[in-house]
Amino acid sequence: MAGKHPIQIPPVRPLYRFAATGLGASMWFFLMYRAKQDGAALLGLKHPWDH
C-alpha cells in the first residue's frame, strides 16, 4: 500500500522550524510554571479567594 502520494509537502526553512520549536517550548514552560504556581485553583482543589 506504500507508494507515491499525490500531495507533496515542500521543505520548511530552518528559521521557521527553529522558531516554531522555540515558541512551542516557551508555551509549555509557561504552562508548567503556571500549573506550579496555581494548579490547585485550576483543578478546583483550592479556591483562589481562600488565603
PDB file of N, CA and C in Angstrom:
ATOM      1  N   MET A   1       0.815  -1.187   0.000  1.00  0.00           N
ATOM      2  CA  MET A   1       0.000   0.000   0.000  1.00  0.00           C
ATOM      3  C   MET A   1       0.864   1.259   0.000  1.00  0.00           C
ATOM      4  N   ALA A   2       2.156   1.120   0.216  1.00  0.00           N
ATOM      5  CA  ALA A   2       3.008   2.302   0.201  1.00  0.00           C
ATOM      6  C   ALA A   2       3.351   2.649  -1.238  1.00  0.00           C
ATOM      7  N   GLY A   3       3.216   3.906  -1.542  1.00  0.00           N
ATOM      8  CA  GLY A   3       3.517   4.354  -2.890  1.00  0.00           C
ATOM      9  C   GLY A   3       3.695   5.857  -2.906  1.00  0.00           C
ATOM     10  N   LYS A   4       3.781   6.398  -4.096  1.00  0.00           N
ATOM     11  CA  LYS A   4       3.967   7.837  -4.228  1.00  0.00           C
ATOM     12  C   LYS A   4       2.635   8.528  -3.965  1.00  0.00           C
ATOM     13  N   HIS A   5       2.619   9.387  -2.973  1.00  0.00           N
ATOM     14  CA  HIS A   5       1.406  10.106  -2.602  1.00  0.00           C
ATOM     15  C   HIS A   5       1.266  11.338  -3.480  1.00  0.00           C
ATOM     16  N   PRO A   6       0.053  11.696  -3.887  1.00  0.00           N
ATOM     17  CA  PRO A   6      -0.106  12.838  -4.790  1.00  0.00           C
ATOM     18  C   PRO A   6       0.183  14.200  -4.147  1.00  0.00           C
ATOM     19  N   ILE A   7       0.138  14.287  -2.828  1.00  0.00           N
ATOM     20  CA  ILE A   7       0.393  15.560  -2.152  1.00  0.00           C
ATOM     21  C   ILE A   7       1.850  15.599  -1.714  1.00  0.00           C
ATOM     22  N   GLN A   8       2.571  16.597  -2.185  1.00  0.00           N
ATOM     23  CA  GLN A   8       3.977  16.762  -1.833  1.00  0.00           C
ATOM     24  C   GLN A   8       4.114  17.935  -0.865  1.00  0.00           C
ATOM     25  N   ILE A   9       4.761  17.724   0.268  1.00  0.00           N
ATOM     26  CA  ILE A   9       4.985  18.777   1.254  1.00  0.00           C
ATOM     27  C   ILE A   9       6.362  19.372   1.002  1.00  0.00           C
ATOM     28  N   PRO A  10       6.425  20.686   0.755  1.00  0.00           N
ATOM     29  CA  PRO A  10       7.734  21.291   0.492  1.00  0.00           C
ATOM     30  C   PRO A  10       8.566  21.376   1.770  1.00  0.00           C
ATOM     31  N   PRO A  11       9.888  21.406   1.641  1.00  0.00           N
ATOM     32  CA  PRO A  11      10.730  21.535   2.837  1.00  0.00           C
ATOM     33  C   PRO A  11      10.548  22.907   3.491  1.00  0.00           C
ATOM     34  N   VAL A  12      10.684  22.937   4.796  1.00  0.00           N
ATOM     35  CA  VAL A  12      10.486  24.160   5.571  1.00  0.00           C
ATOM     36  C   VAL A  12      11.838  24.807   5.832  1.00  0.00           C
ATOM     37  N   ARG A  13      11.873  26.136   5.778  1.00  0.00           N
ATOM     38  CA  ARG A  13      13.114  26.843   6.064  1.00  0.00           C
ATOM     39  C   ARG A  13      13.510  26.604   7.518  1.00  0.00           C
ATOM     40  N   PRO A  14      14.807  26.479   7.804  1.00  0.00           N
ATOM     41  CA  PRO A  14      15.255  26.219   9.180  1.00  0.00           C
ATOM     42  C   PRO A  14      14.824  27.297  10.171  1.00  0.00           C
ATOM     43  N   LEU A  15      14.742  28.553   9.731  1.00  0.00           N
ATOM     44  CA  LEU A  15      14.305  29.628  10.629  1.00  0.00           C
ATOM     45  C   LEU A  15      12.912  29.352  11.168  1.00  0.00           C
ATOM     46  N   TYR A  16      11.998  28.944  10.301  1.00  0.00           N
ATOM     47  CA  TYR A  16      10.630  28.673  10.729  1.00  0.00           C
ATOM     48  C   TYR A  16      10.573  27.462  11.652  1.00  0.00           C
ATOM     49  N   ARG A  17      11.380  26.462  11.346  1.00  0.00           N
ATOM     50  CA  ARG A  17      11.391  25.254  12.177  1.00  0.00           C
ATOM     51  C   ARG A  17      11.907  25.556  13.578  1.00  0.00           C
ATOM     52  N   PHE A  18      13.004  26.312  13.682  1.00  0.00           N
ATOM     53  CA  PHE A  18      13.557  26.657  14.994  1.00  0.00           C
ATOM     54  C   PHE A  18      12.648  27.617  15.748  1.00  0.00           C
ATOM     55  N   ALA A  19      12.023  28.549  15.030  1.00  0.00           N
ATOM     56  CA  ALA A  19      11.097  29.482  15.676  1.00  0.00           C
ATOM     57  C   ALA A  19       9.889  28.736  16.236  1.00  0.00           C
ATOM     58  N   ALA A  20       9.364  27.785  15.483  1.00  0.00           N
ATOM     59  CA  ALA A  20       8.221  27.010  15.958  1.00  0.00           C
ATOM     60  C   ALA A  20       8.596  26.162  17.166  1.00  0.00           C
ATOM     61  N   THR A  21       9.784  25.572  17.153  1.00  0.00           N
ATOM     62  CA  THR A  21      10.238  24.779  18.295  1.00  0.00           C
ATOM     63  C   THR A  21      10.426  25.658  19.521  1.00  0.00           C
ATOM     64  N   GLY A  22      11.031  26.831  19.343  1.00  0.00           N
ATOM     65  CA  GLY A  22      11.249  27.743  20.470  1.00  0.00           C
ATOM     66  C   GLY A  22       9.951  28.274  21.047  1.00  0.00           C
ATOM     67  N   LEU A  23       9.014  28.665  20.187  1.00  0.00           N
ATOM     68  CA  LEU A  23       7.733  29.170  20.680  1.00  0.00           C
ATOM     69  C   LEU A  23       6.923  28.065  21.359  1.00  0.00           C
ATOM     70  N   GLY A  24       6.977  26.857  20.816  1.00  0.00           N
ATOM     71  CA  GLY A  24       6.275  25.740  21.448  1.00  0.00           C
ATOM     72  C   GLY A  24       6.863  25.399  22.804  1.00  0.00           C
ATOM     73  N   ALA A  25       8.193  25.428  22.902  1.00  0.00           N
ATOM     74  CA  ALA A  25       8.842  25.143  24.186  1.00  0.00           C
ATOM     75  C   ALA A  25       8.518  26.218  25.209  1.00  0.00           C
ATOM     76  N   SER A  26       8.534  27.487  24.787  1.00  0.00           N
ATOM     77  CA  SER A  26       8.219  28.558  25.740  1.00  0.00           C
ATOM     78  C   SER A  26       6.770  28.479  26.195  1.00  0.00           C
ATOM     79  N   MET A  27       5.862  28.051  25.320  1.00  0.00           N
ATOM     80  CA  MET A  27       4.472  27.881  25.720  1.00  0.00           C
ATOM     81  C   MET A  27       4.357  26.811  26.807  1.00  0.00           C
ATOM     82  N   TRP A  28       5.036  25.661  26.613  1.00  0.00           N
ATOM     83  CA  TRP A  28       4.952  24.592  27.603  1.00  0.00           C
ATOM     84  C   TRP A  28       5.637  24.981  28.909  1.00  0.00           C
ATOM     85  N   PHE A  29       6.760  25.716  28.833  1.00  0.00           N
ATOM     86  CA  PHE A  29       7.408  26.185  30.059  1.00  0.00           C
ATOM     87  C   PHE A  29       6.479  27.100  30.836  1.00  0.00           C
ATOM     88  N   PHE A  30       5.782  28.008  30.132  1.00  0.00           N
ATOM     89  CA  PHE A  30       4.853  28.919  30.791  1.00  0.00           C
ATOM     90  C   PHE A  30       3.683  28.153  31.407  1.00  0.00           C
ATOM     91  N   LEU A  31       3.147  27.173  30.688  1.00  0.00           N
ATOM     92  CA  LEU A  31       2.034  26.395  31.232  1.00  0.00           C
ATOM     93  C   LEU A  31       2.446  25.612  32.472  1.00  0.00           C
ATOM     94  N   MET A  32       3.627  25.017  32.454  1.00  0.00           N
ATOM     95  CA  MET A  32       4.095  24.271  33.625  1.00  0.00           C
ATOM     96  C   MET A  32       4.387  25.204  34.795  1.00  0.00           C
ATOM     97  N   TYR A  33       4.905  26.404  34.512  1.00  0.00           N
ATOM     98  CA  TYR A  33       5.145  27.385  35.568  1.00  0.00           C
ATOM     99  C   TYR A  33       3.829  27.810  36.205  1.00  0.00           C
ATOM    100  N   ARG A  34       2.810  28.085  35.388  1.00  0.00           N
ATOM    101  CA  ARG A  34       1.512  28.488  35.928  1.00  0.00           C
ATOM    102  C   ARG A  34       0.857  27.334  36.686  1.00  0.00           C
ATOM    103  N   ALA A  35       1.025  26.114  36.218  1.00  0.00           N
ATOM    104  CA  ALA A  35       0.464  24.965  36.928  1.00  0.00           C
ATOM    105  C   ALA A  35       1.142  24.797  38.281  1.00  0.00           C
ATOM    106  N   LYS A  36       2.433  25.093  38.351  1.00  0.00           N
ATOM    107  CA  LYS A  36       3.136  25.008  39.632  1.00  0.00           C
ATOM    108  C   LYS A  36       2.658  26.103  40.575  1.00  0.00           C
ATOM    109  N   GLN A  37       2.413  27.298  40.044  1.00  0.00           N
ATOM    110  CA  GLN A  37       2.022  28.430  40.879  1.00  0.00           C
ATOM    111  C   GLN A  37       0.590  28.290  41.395  1.00  0.00           C
ATOM    112  N   ASP A  38      -0.362  28.025  40.529  1.00  0.00           N
ATOM    113  CA  ASP A  38      -1.760  27.961  40.964  1.00  0.00           C
ATOM    114  C   ASP A  38      -2.504  26.792  40.322  1.00  0.00           C
ATOM    115  N   GLY A  39      -1.879  25.640  40.311  1.00  0.00           N
ATOM    116  CA  GLY A  39      -2.511  24.456  39.751  1.00  0.00           C
ATOM    117  C   GLY A  39      -3.672  23.944  40.581  1.00  0.00           C
ATOM    118  N   ALA A  40      -3.603  24.114  41.905  1.00  0.00           N
ATOM    119  CA  ALA A  40      -4.697  23.641  42.762  1.00  0.00           C
ATOM    120  C   ALA A  40      -5.972  24.431  42.494  1.00  0.00           C
ATOM    121  N   ALA A  41      -5.852  25.728  42.276  1.00  0.00           N
ATOM    122  CA  ALA A  41      -7.027  26.540  41.967  1.00  0.00           C
ATOM    123  C   ALA A  41      -7.576  26.177  40.590  1.00  0.00           C
ATOM    124  N   LEU A  42      -6.697  25.859  39.671  1.00  0.00           N
ATOM    125  CA  LEU A  42      -7.131  25.478  38.332  1.00  0.00           C
ATOM    126  C   LEU A  42      -7.908  24.168  38.360  1.00  0.00           C
ATOM    127  N   LEU A  43      -7.480  23.226  39.187  1.00  0.00           N
ATOM    128  CA  LEU A  43      -8.149  21.932  39.282  1.00  0.00           C
ATOM    129  C   LEU A  43      -9.340  21.946  40.230  1.00  0.00           C
ATOM    130  N   GLY A  44      -9.580  23.054  40.908  1.00  0.00           N
ATOM    131  CA  GLY A  44     -10.711  23.152  41.815  1.00  0.00           C
ATOM    132  C   GLY A  44     -10.446  22.588  43.192  1.00  0.00           C
ATOM    133  N   LEU A  45      -9.196  22.324  43.535  1.00  0.00           N
ATOM    134  CA  LEU A  45      -8.864  21.790  44.849  1.00  0.00           C
ATOM    135  C   LEU A  45      -8.769  22.886  45.900  1.00  0.00           C
ATOM    136  N   LYS A  46      -8.619  24.117  45.468  1.00  0.00           N
ATOM    137  CA  LYS A  46      -8.481  25.246  46.380  1.00  0.00           C
ATOM    138  C   LYS A  46      -9.137  26.454  45.727  1.00  0.00           C
ATOM    139  N   HIS A  47      -9.865  27.231  46.523  1.00  0.00           N
ATOM    140  CA  HIS A  47     -10.476  28.440  45.995  1.00  0.00           C
ATOM    141  C   HIS A  47      -9.454  29.564  46.003  1.00  0.00           C
ATOM    142  N   PRO A  48      -9.376  30.361  44.943  1.00  0.00           N
ATOM    143  CA  PRO A  48      -8.373  31.421  44.900  1.00  0.00           C
ATOM    144  C   PRO A  48      -8.614  32.514  45.927  1.00  0.00           C
ATOM    145  N   TRP A  49      -9.844  32.665  46.409  1.00  0.00           N
ATOM    146  CA  TRP A  49     -10.125  33.715  47.385  1.00  0.00           C
ATOM    147  C   TRP A  49      -9.864  33.259  48.816  1.00  0.00           C
ATOM    148  N   ASP A  50      -9.578  31.968  49.043  1.00  0.00           N
ATOM    149  CA  ASP A  50      -9.208  31.484  50.373  1.00  0.00           C
ATOM    150  C   ASP A  50      -7.709  31.678  50.577  1.00  0.00           C
ATOM    151  N   HIS A  51      -7.351  32.305  51.687  1.00  0.00           N
ATOM    152  CA  HIS A  51      -5.923  32.545  51.943  1.00  0.00           C
ATOM    153  C   HIS A  51      -5.429  31.663  53.045  1.00  0.00           C
TER     154      HIS A  51
END
